Amino acid sequence: MPTSPKILVTGATGKNGGTVIIQLLAKGYPVRTTFRVQDARSDLLQRRGGEVVVADIFDLPGDKSRDLRQGARAARAADAASRARRCRLEGEPRHRGRSAGA
């Protein structure tokens, strides 16, 4: 009998994510989720059979989070430049849906 794939569920502390996890575990699926801190919610999930990984994207060694933020800003700037260029080539206004006074 093949084993079920482990399912990663994000947003486990929210209403939808928590409900999805409970349903998956009830049906026998292995579930993994991340929490920023270990607390009563993560403990409850572990007791129900889920795998909990405690991690925070902004808690990186050597302040790598600063590098990530700079990279994200650069990506947004490149996207904006690409959209502006495409609009000029296609003759469309840069900001669709905005009124002249906005």
N, C-alpha and C. Protein backbone atom coordinates (compact mmCIF):
# COMPACT_ATOMS: atom_id res chain seq x y z
N MET A 1 0.85 -1.19 0.00
CA MET A 1 0.00 0.00 0.00
C MET A 1 0.88 1.24 0.00
N PRO A 2 0.70 2.14 -0.95
CA PRO A 2 1.54 3.35 -0.99
C PRO A 2 1.24 4.25 0.21
N THR A 3 2.28 4.97 0.64
CA THR A 3 2.11 5.90 1.75
C THR A 3 1.60 7.23 1.22
N SER A 4 0.87 7.92 2.07
CA SER A 4 0.36 9.24 1.68
C SER A 4 1.49 10.25 1.73
N PRO A 5 1.48 11.22 0.81
CA PRO A 5 2.51 12.26 0.86
C PRO A 5 2.29 13.16 2.08
N LYS A 6 3.38 13.67 2.62
CA LYS A 6 3.27 14.63 3.72
C LYS A 6 2.80 15.94 3.14
N ILE A 7 1.81 16.55 3.78
CA ILE A 7 1.21 17.77 3.26
C ILE A 7 1.64 18.95 4.13
N LEU A 8 2.18 19.97 3.48
CA LEU A 8 2.57 21.19 4.17
C LEU A 8 1.38 22.14 4.16
N VAL A 9 0.97 22.57 5.35
CA VAL A 9 -0.13 23.52 5.47
C VAL A 9 0.41 24.79 6.11
N THR A 10 0.25 25.91 5.41
CA THR A 10 0.65 27.19 5.98
C THR A 10 -0.57 27.85 6.60
N GLY A 11 -0.33 28.79 7.48
CA GLY A 11 -1.44 29.48 8.12
C GLY A 11 -2.15 28.63 9.15
N ALA A 12 -1.40 27.77 9.82
CA ALA A 12 -2.00 26.83 10.76
C ALA A 12 -2.69 27.50 11.94
N THR A 13 -2.27 28.70 12.28
CA THR A 13 -2.87 29.38 13.43
C THR A 13 -4.15 30.12 13.05
N GLY A 14 -4.45 30.18 11.79
CA GLY A 14 -5.67 30.85 11.35
C GLY A 14 -6.86 29.90 11.32
N LYS A 15 -8.01 30.46 11.10
CA LYS A 15 -9.26 29.68 11.08
C LYS A 15 -9.23 28.62 9.98
N ASN A 16 -8.89 29.01 8.76
CA ASN A 16 -8.90 28.06 7.64
C ASN A 16 -7.79 27.03 7.74
N GLY A 17 -6.58 27.49 8.00
CA GLY A 17 -5.45 26.56 8.09
C GLY A 17 -5.65 25.54 9.20
N GLY A 18 -6.11 26.00 10.36
CA GLY A 18 -6.34 25.09 11.48
C GLY A 18 -7.40 24.05 11.16
N THR A 19 -8.46 24.47 10.49
CA THR A 19 -9.53 23.55 10.11
C THR A 19 -9.04 22.53 9.10
N VAL A 20 -8.25 22.98 8.13
CA VAL A 20 -7.71 22.07 7.12
C VAL A 20 -6.83 21.02 7.78
N ILE A 21 -5.99 21.43 8.71
CA ILE A 21 -5.10 20.49 9.39
C ILE A 21 -5.89 19.44 10.16
N ILE A 22 -6.90 19.87 10.89
CA ILE A 22 -7.72 18.93 11.66
C ILE A 22 -8.37 17.90 10.74
N GLN A 23 -8.89 18.36 9.61
CA GLN A 23 -9.53 17.45 8.66
C GLN A 23 -8.53 16.47 8.04
N LEU A 24 -7.37 16.97 7.66
CA LEU A 24 -6.35 16.09 7.07
C LEU A 24 -5.90 15.03 8.07
N LEU A 25 -5.64 15.44 9.30
CA LEU A 25 -5.21 14.48 10.32
C LEU A 25 -6.30 13.45 10.59
N ALA A 26 -7.56 13.89 10.62
CA ALA A 26 -8.68 12.98 10.86
C ALA A 26 -8.78 11.92 9.76
N LYS A 27 -8.35 12.29 8.54
CA LYS A 27 -8.40 11.34 7.41
C LYS A 27 -7.11 10.54 7.27
N GLY A 28 -6.18 10.76 8.20
CA GLY A 28 -4.96 9.95 8.21
C GLY A 28 -3.80 10.48 7.39
N TYR A 29 -3.90 11.70 6.89
CA TYR A 29 -2.79 12.27 6.12
C TYR A 29 -1.72 12.81 7.07
N PRO A 30 -0.46 12.59 6.74
CA PRO A 30 0.60 13.22 7.53
C PRO A 30 0.68 14.71 7.19
N VAL A 31 0.78 15.55 8.21
CA VAL A 31 0.75 17.00 8.03
C VAL A 31 1.96 17.63 8.67
N ARG A 32 2.52 18.62 7.99
CA ARG A 32 3.63 19.42 8.53
C ARG A 32 3.22 20.88 8.43
N THR A 33 3.56 21.65 9.44
CA THR A 33 3.27 23.08 9.41
C THR A 33 4.34 23.83 10.17
N THR A 34 4.43 25.12 9.91
CA THR A 34 5.40 25.95 10.60
C THR A 34 4.69 26.89 11.56
N PHE A 35 5.36 27.15 12.66
CA PHE A 35 4.92 28.12 13.65
C PHE A 35 6.10 29.02 13.94
N ARG A 36 5.84 30.29 14.21
CA ARG A 36 6.93 31.21 14.56
C ARG A 36 7.47 30.94 15.96
N VAL A 37 6.58 30.53 16.85
CA VAL A 37 6.98 30.20 18.23
C VAL A 37 6.22 28.96 18.66
N GLN A 38 6.85 28.21 19.57
CA GLN A 38 6.15 27.06 20.12
C GLN A 38 5.23 27.58 21.23
N ASP A 39 3.95 27.25 21.10
CA ASP A 39 2.96 27.70 22.08
C ASP A 39 1.88 26.65 22.22
N ALA A 40 0.78 27.00 22.87
CA ALA A 40 -0.29 26.03 23.10
C ALA A 40 -0.88 25.51 21.79
N ARG A 41 -0.95 26.37 20.76
CA ARG A 41 -1.51 25.94 19.48
C ARG A 41 -0.62 24.91 18.80
N SER A 42 0.68 25.14 18.81
CA SER A 42 1.59 24.18 18.19
C SER A 42 1.63 22.88 19.00
N ASP A 43 1.56 23.00 20.32
CA ASP A 43 1.54 21.80 21.17
C ASP A 43 0.30 20.95 20.88
N LEU A 44 -0.84 21.60 20.72
CA LEU A 44 -2.08 20.89 20.42
C LEU A 44 -1.97 20.15 19.10
N LEU A 45 -1.41 20.80 18.09
CA LEU A 45 -1.24 20.16 16.79
C LEU A 45 -0.33 18.94 16.90
N GLN A 46 0.74 19.06 17.66
CA GLN A 46 1.64 17.92 17.84
C GLN A 46 0.92 16.77 18.54
N ARG A 47 0.14 17.07 19.55
CA ARG A 47 -0.60 16.02 20.26
C ARG A 47 -1.59 15.31 19.34
N ARG A 48 -2.08 16.02 18.34
CA ARG A 48 -3.02 15.42 17.38
C ARG A 48 -2.31 14.65 16.27
N GLY A 49 -0.99 14.70 16.26
CA GLY A 49 -0.24 13.91 15.29
C GLY A 49 0.42 14.69 14.18
N GLY A 50 0.32 16.00 14.21
CA GLY A 50 0.95 16.81 13.18
C GLY A 50 2.42 17.06 13.49
N GLU A 51 3.18 17.33 12.45
CA GLU A 51 4.60 17.68 12.62
C GLU A 51 4.70 19.20 12.63
N VAL A 52 5.34 19.73 13.66
CA VAL A 52 5.47 21.18 13.82
C VAL A 52 6.94 21.55 13.65
N VAL A 53 7.18 22.55 12.83
CA VAL A 53 8.51 23.12 12.65
C VAL A 53 8.44 24.57 13.14
N VAL A 54 9.26 24.89 14.14
CA VAL A 54 9.29 26.26 14.65
C VAL A 54 10.35 27.02 13.86
N ALA A 55 9.90 28.07 13.15
CA ALA A 55 10.80 28.84 12.30
C ALA A 55 10.20 30.22 12.07
N ASP A 56 11.08 31.19 11.89
CA ASP A 56 10.65 32.55 11.58
C ASP A 56 11.52 33.05 10.45
N ILE A 57 10.91 33.45 9.36
CA ILE A 57 11.66 33.90 8.18
C ILE A 57 12.56 35.09 8.49
N PHE A 58 12.20 35.88 9.49
CA PHE A 58 13.00 37.06 9.82
C PHE A 58 14.03 36.80 10.90
N ASP A 59 14.19 35.55 11.32
CA ASP A 59 15.17 35.20 12.33
C ASP A 59 16.28 34.40 11.66
N LEU A 60 17.09 35.09 10.88
CA LEU A 60 18.14 34.44 10.11
C LEU A 60 19.51 34.82 10.64
N PRO A 61 20.48 33.90 10.56
CA PRO A 61 21.82 34.22 11.05
C PRO A 61 22.48 35.30 10.21
N GLY A 62 23.27 36.14 10.87
CA GLY A 62 24.01 37.17 10.15
C GLY A 62 23.14 38.23 9.52
N ASP A 63 21.95 38.41 10.05
CA ASP A 63 20.99 39.39 9.55
C ASP A 63 20.72 39.22 8.06
N LYS A 64 20.51 37.99 7.65
CA LYS A 64 20.16 37.70 6.26
C LYS A 64 18.80 38.27 5.90
N SER A 65 17.96 38.54 6.93
CA SER A 65 16.64 39.09 6.63
C SER A 65 16.77 40.45 5.95
N ARG A 66 17.80 41.21 6.30
CA ARG A 66 18.03 42.51 5.65
C ARG A 66 18.31 42.29 4.17
N ASP A 67 19.10 41.27 3.85
CA ASP A 67 19.39 40.95 2.45
C ASP A 67 18.12 40.53 1.71
N LEU A 68 17.26 39.76 2.39
CA LEU A 68 16.01 39.34 1.77
C LEU A 68 15.12 40.54 1.47
N ARG A 69 15.03 41.47 2.42
CA ARG A 69 14.20 42.65 2.21
C ARG A 69 14.73 43.49 1.05
N GLN A 70 16.06 43.63 0.97
CA GLN A 70 16.65 44.40 -0.13
C GLN A 70 16.37 43.71 -1.46
N GLY A 71 16.46 42.39 -1.48
CA GLY A 71 16.17 41.63 -2.70
C GLY A 71 14.72 41.78 -3.13
N ALA A 72 13.82 41.79 -2.15
CA ALA A 72 12.39 41.95 -2.45
C ALA A 72 12.13 43.34 -3.01
N ARG A 73 12.78 44.37 -2.45
CA ARG A 73 12.61 45.73 -2.98
C ARG A 73 13.12 45.82 -4.41
N ALA A 74 14.25 45.18 -4.67
CA ALA A 74 14.81 45.21 -6.02
C ALA A 74 13.89 44.50 -7.01
N ALA A 75 13.29 43.39 -6.59
CA ALA A 75 12.36 42.66 -7.46
C ALA A 75 11.12 43.50 -7.75
N ARG A 76 10.60 44.20 -6.75
CA ARG A 76 9.43 45.06 -6.97
C ARG A 76 9.77 46.19 -7.92
N ALA A 77 10.95 46.77 -7.78
CA ALA A 77 11.36 47.86 -8.66
C ALA A 77 11.51 47.37 -10.09
N ALA A 78 12.09 46.17 -10.26
CA ALA A 78 12.26 45.61 -11.60
C ALA A 78 10.90 45.32 -12.22
N ASP A 79 9.96 44.82 -11.42
CA ASP A 79 8.62 44.53 -11.92
C ASP A 79 7.93 45.82 -12.35
N ALA A 80 8.05 46.87 -11.55
CA ALA A 80 7.43 48.16 -11.88
C ALA A 80 8.02 48.72 -13.17
N ALA A 81 9.33 48.61 -13.32
CA ALA A 81 9.98 49.12 -14.54
C ALA A 81 9.52 48.32 -15.76
N SER A 82 9.39 47.01 -15.59
CA SER A 82 8.95 46.16 -16.69
C SER A 82 7.52 46.50 -17.10
N ARG A 83 6.66 46.72 -16.11
CA ARG A 83 5.27 47.07 -16.42
C ARG A 83 5.19 48.42 -17.12
N ALA A 84 5.97 49.39 -16.65
CA ALA A 84 5.96 50.72 -17.28
C ALA A 84 6.42 50.63 -18.73
N ARG A 85 7.46 49.84 -18.97
CA ARG A 85 7.98 49.69 -20.33
C ARG A 85 6.93 49.03 -21.23
N ARG A 86 6.28 47.99 -20.71
CA ARG A 86 5.26 47.28 -21.47
C ARG A 86 4.09 48.22 -21.80
N CYS A 87 3.69 49.05 -20.84
CA CYS A 87 2.60 50.00 -21.08
C CYS A 87 2.97 51.00 -22.16
N ARG A 88 4.22 51.50 -22.13
CA ARG A 88 4.65 52.44 -23.17
C ARG A 88 4.64 51.77 -24.54
N LEU A 89 5.09 50.51 -24.61
CA LEU A 89 5.13 49.81 -25.88
C LEU A 89 3.74 49.53 -26.41
N GLU A 90 2.81 49.25 -25.52
CA GLU A 90 1.45 48.91 -25.92
C GLU A 90 0.53 50.12 -25.97
N GLY A 91 1.04 51.29 -25.57
CA GLY A 91 0.26 52.51 -25.62
C GLY A 91 -0.82 52.59 -24.56
N GLU A 92 -0.67 51.85 -23.47
CA GLU A 92 -1.66 51.87 -22.39
C GLU A 92 -1.23 52.85 -21.31
N PRO A 93 -2.19 53.37 -20.57
CA PRO A 93 -1.81 54.22 -19.43
C PRO A 93 -1.07 53.38 -18.39
N ARG A 94 -0.18 54.01 -17.65
CA ARG A 94 0.60 53.28 -16.64
C ARG A 94 -0.26 52.75 -15.52
N HIS A 95 -1.22 53.53 -15.11
CA HIS A 95 -2.05 53.16 -13.95
C HIS A 95 -3.50 53.04 -14.40
N ARG A 96 -3.88 51.86 -14.80
CA ARG A 96 -5.26 51.65 -15.22
C ARG A 96 -6.19 51.79 -14.04
N GLY A 97 -7.35 52.40 -14.26
CA GLY A 97 -8.35 52.50 -13.21
C GLY A 97 -8.22 53.71 -12.33
N ARG A 98 -7.15 54.46 -12.44
CA ARG A 98 -6.99 55.67 -11.64
C ARG A 98 -7.59 56.85 -12.36
N SER A 99 -8.25 57.71 -11.62
CA SER A 99 -8.79 58.92 -12.23
C SER A 99 -7.69 59.95 -12.33
N ALA A 100 -7.88 60.95 -13.12
CA ALA A 100 -6.86 61.96 -13.35
C ALA A 100 -6.49 62.71 -12.08
N GLY A 101 -7.44 62.85 -11.16
CA GLY A 101 -7.16 63.59 -9.93
C GLY A 101 -6.60 62.74 -8.80
N ALA A 102 -6.46 61.43 -9.01
CA ALA A 102 -6.01 60.55 -7.92
C ALA A 102 -4.55 60.61 -7.72
